Protein backbone atom coordinates (compact mmCIF):
# COMPACT_ATOMS: atom_id res chain seq x y z
CA ASP A 1 14.67 -69.21 29.11
CA ASN A 2 12.15 -69.67 31.77
CA GLY A 3 14.28 -72.30 33.30
CA VAL A 4 15.59 -72.35 36.83
CA CYS A 5 19.19 -71.74 37.80
CA SER A 6 20.60 -75.13 38.77
CA PHE A 7 22.79 -73.52 41.57
CA CYS A 8 20.32 -71.09 43.31
CA GLY A 9 17.00 -72.30 42.09
CA VAL A 10 15.71 -68.89 40.96
CA GLY A 11 14.02 -68.56 37.53
CA ASN A 12 16.14 -67.04 34.76
CA SER A 13 13.52 -64.26 33.89
CA MET A 14 13.22 -63.37 37.56
CA HIS A 15 17.04 -63.25 37.83
CA ARG A 16 17.28 -60.93 34.76
CA GLU A 17 14.57 -58.55 36.32
CA VAL A 18 16.39 -58.41 39.69
CA ARG A 19 19.72 -57.66 37.92
CA ARG A 20 18.10 -54.88 35.77
CA LYS A 21 16.44 -53.27 38.89
CA THR A 22 19.75 -53.55 40.81
CA ARG A 23 21.60 -51.71 38.08
CA HIS A 24 18.93 -49.03 37.85
CA ILE A 25 19.03 -48.66 41.72
CA ALA A 26 22.84 -48.31 41.58
CA ALA A 27 22.55 -45.62 38.84
CA LEU A 28 19.97 -43.68 40.88
CA GLU A 29 22.13 -43.95 43.99
CA ARG A 30 25.18 -42.66 42.06
CA GLU A 31 23.10 -39.73 40.80
CA LEU A 32 21.73 -39.02 44.28
CA ALA A 33 25.26 -39.20 45.66
CA THR A 34 26.41 -36.64 43.01
CA VAL A 35 23.65 -34.23 43.79
CA LYS A 36 23.79 -34.73 47.58
CA GLY A 37 27.48 -35.31 48.13
CA ASP A 38 28.79 -32.53 45.94
CA GLY A 39 27.33 -29.24 46.99
CA ALA A 40 29.53 -27.44 44.46
CA SER A 41 27.91 -29.52 41.62
CA ALA A 42 24.46 -28.63 42.84
CA GLN A 43 25.53 -24.94 43.03
CA GLU A 44 27.00 -25.21 39.56
CA ALA A 45 23.76 -26.92 38.28
CA LYS A 46 21.76 -24.10 39.82
CA ALA A 47 24.09 -21.48 38.37
CA VAL A 48 23.86 -23.16 35.00
CA ALA A 49 20.19 -23.37 35.28
CA ALA A 50 19.98 -19.68 36.33
CA ALA A 51 22.31 -18.74 33.35
CA HIS A 52 20.09 -20.73 31.03
CA TYR A 53 16.98 -19.05 32.48
CA ALA A 54 18.57 -15.67 32.12
CA GLN A 55 19.51 -16.55 28.48
CA LEU A 56 16.00 -17.74 27.92
CA GLN A 57 14.64 -14.45 29.32
CA GLN A 58 17.03 -12.39 27.01
CA MET A 59 16.00 -14.52 24.05
CA GLN A 60 12.36 -13.98 24.88
CA GLU A 61 12.87 -10.20 25.33
CA SER A 62 14.86 -10.09 22.14
CA CYS A 63 12.13 -11.99 20.28
CA ALA A 64 9.45 -9.71 21.78
CA MET A 65 11.43 -6.62 20.57
CA ARG A 66 11.95 -8.13 17.15
CA LEU A 67 8.33 -9.03 16.99
CA ALA A 68 7.35 -5.42 17.92
CA VAL A 69 9.81 -4.15 15.24
CA MET A 70 8.34 -6.51 12.71
CA GLU A 71 4.77 -5.38 13.64
CA GLU A 72 5.86 -1.73 13.26
CA VAL A 73 7.53 -2.49 9.91
CA GLU A 74 4.33 -4.35 8.76
CA ARG A 75 2.25 -1.38 9.82
CA ARG A 76 4.59 1.18 8.08
CA LEU A 77 4.48 -1.11 4.97
CA ALA A 78 0.75 -1.21 5.04
CA ASP A 79 0.70 2.64 5.43
CA ALA A 80 3.26 2.94 2.57
CA GLU A 81 1.17 0.64 0.36
CA ALA A 82 -2.00 2.67 1.21
CA GLN A 83 -0.13 5.96 0.28
CA LEU A 84 1.19 4.32 -2.87
CA GLU A 85 -2.38 3.46 -3.88
CA ASP A 86 -3.47 6.92 -3.02
CA ALA A 87 -0.61 8.34 -5.10
CA LYS A 88 -1.46 6.06 -7.99
CA ALA A 89 -5.11 7.21 -7.90
CA GLU A 90 -4.00 10.91 -7.72
CA ALA A 91 -1.59 10.32 -10.61
CA ALA A 92 -4.47 8.75 -12.63
CA ARG A 93 -6.69 11.65 -11.79
CA ALA A 94 -3.94 14.11 -12.79
CA ALA A 95 -3.34 12.22 -16.08
CA LYS A 96 -7.02 12.21 -16.84
CA ALA A 97 -7.25 16.05 -16.02
CA GLU A 98 -4.17 16.69 -18.25
CA ALA A 99 -5.64 14.65 -21.09
CA GLU A 100 -8.94 16.62 -20.73
CA SER A 101 -6.91 19.91 -20.58
CA GLN A 102 -4.96 18.98 -23.75
CA THR A 103 -8.28 17.97 -25.45
CA ALA A 104 -9.76 21.36 -24.46
CA ALA A 105 -6.67 23.18 -25.57
CA ALA A 106 -6.70 21.41 -28.94
CA ALA A 107 -10.37 22.37 -29.27
CA VAL A 108 -9.52 25.97 -28.43
CA SER A 109 -6.67 26.03 -30.88
CA ARG A 110 -8.96 24.56 -33.60
CA GLU A 111 -11.51 27.20 -32.83
CA ARG A 112 -8.85 29.98 -33.06
CA ASP A 113 -7.66 28.61 -36.34
CA ARG A 114 -11.21 28.61 -37.68
CA GLU A 115 -11.78 32.18 -36.38
CA ARG A 116 -8.50 33.30 -38.03
CA GLN A 117 -9.54 31.73 -41.29
CA GLU A 118 -13.01 33.40 -40.98
CA TRP A 119 -11.30 36.79 -40.16
CA SER A 120 -8.95 36.30 -43.11
CA ARG A 121 -11.84 35.57 -45.45
CA GLU A 122 -13.85 38.62 -44.03
CA ARG A 123 -10.74 40.81 -44.46
CA GLU A 124 -10.23 39.59 -47.98
CA ARG A 125 -13.93 40.26 -48.76
CA TRP A 126 -13.59 43.75 -47.27
CA TYR A 127 -10.48 44.43 -49.42
CA GLN A 128 -12.28 43.20 -52.43
CA GLU A 129 -15.34 45.40 -51.59
CA ARG A 130 -13.11 48.40 -50.92
CA ASP A 131 -11.20 47.84 -54.20
CA ALA A 132 -14.50 47.50 -56.06
CA ALA A 133 -15.90 50.72 -54.41
CA ARG A 134 -12.59 52.49 -55.33
CA ASP A 135 -12.87 51.21 -58.93
CA ARG A 136 -16.59 52.32 -59.04
CA GLN A 137 -15.66 55.63 -57.58
CA ALA A 138 -12.95 56.08 -60.27
CA GLU A 139 -15.46 55.17 -62.91
CA LEU A 140 -18.01 57.63 -61.50
CA GLU A 141 -15.37 60.31 -61.19
CA ALA A 142 -14.36 59.65 -64.84
CA SER A 143 -18.04 59.72 -65.91
CA LEU A 144 -18.59 62.89 -63.93
CA SER A 145 -15.50 64.38 -65.56
CA ARG A 146 -16.83 63.42 -69.01
CA ALA A 147 -20.27 64.75 -68.02
CA ARG A 148 -18.77 68.03 -66.92
CA SER A 149 -16.76 68.21 -70.02
CA THR A 150 -19.92 67.52 -72.09
CA LEU A 151 -21.77 70.03 -70.06
CA ALA A 152 -19.04 72.59 -70.63
CA GLU A 153 -19.17 71.81 -74.35
CA ALA A 154 -22.88 72.07 -74.28
CA ASN A 155 -22.79 75.41 -72.37
CA ALA A 156 -20.26 76.66 -74.97
CA GLN A 157 -22.50 75.55 -77.78
CA LEU A 158 -25.46 77.13 -76.02
CA ALA A 159 -23.53 80.26 -75.53
CA GLU A 160 -22.74 80.27 -79.36
CA LEU A 161 -26.33 79.40 -80.20
CA LYS A 162 -28.00 81.82 -77.83
CA PRO A 163 -27.22 84.90 -79.91
CA ARG A 164 -28.64 83.13 -82.93
CA LEU A 165 -31.69 82.02 -80.95
CA ASP A 166 -32.22 85.50 -79.79
CA ASP A 167 -31.93 86.69 -83.41
CA LEU A 168 -34.32 84.11 -84.63
CA SER A 169 -36.75 84.92 -81.78
CA SER A 170 -36.62 88.59 -82.54
CA SER A 171 -36.96 88.11 -86.23
CA LYS A 172 -40.05 85.98 -85.77
CA ALA A 173 -41.62 88.40 -83.54
């Protein structure tokens, strides 16, 4: 491949390099001619670039707004999570307070039941004592009635015996 062209005497590698550069130069000249020679194409390119730049600006603004919205949503979410934790803690405190209240209410109920039972026993004892006192009173009244009856009989016998005693006392004197 490093041989020399038999017609012109130029080396093959050099010939390939020159051909490649020639093609590259032609492409650049065509591009330059398009940009220079066609003012409308340059204007279109500028308009397209401006439109692309405007689109890019809109996209950046839209992304910035969405980012701001996302940040606000994240802030609100964090606030809501904090409120949820506070509500959970408050619910736990309320549940504990209710359990304590129910325990206290149960203790009060048990105490009332105990007091009612005690009052019931006391009332029963009072009734028993009252009934016993009434029975004793009836016995005493019956005994008193018998004693009065016996006293009346004794007074009657005494009244019968008094004239005799008086007779006996006067006869002995």
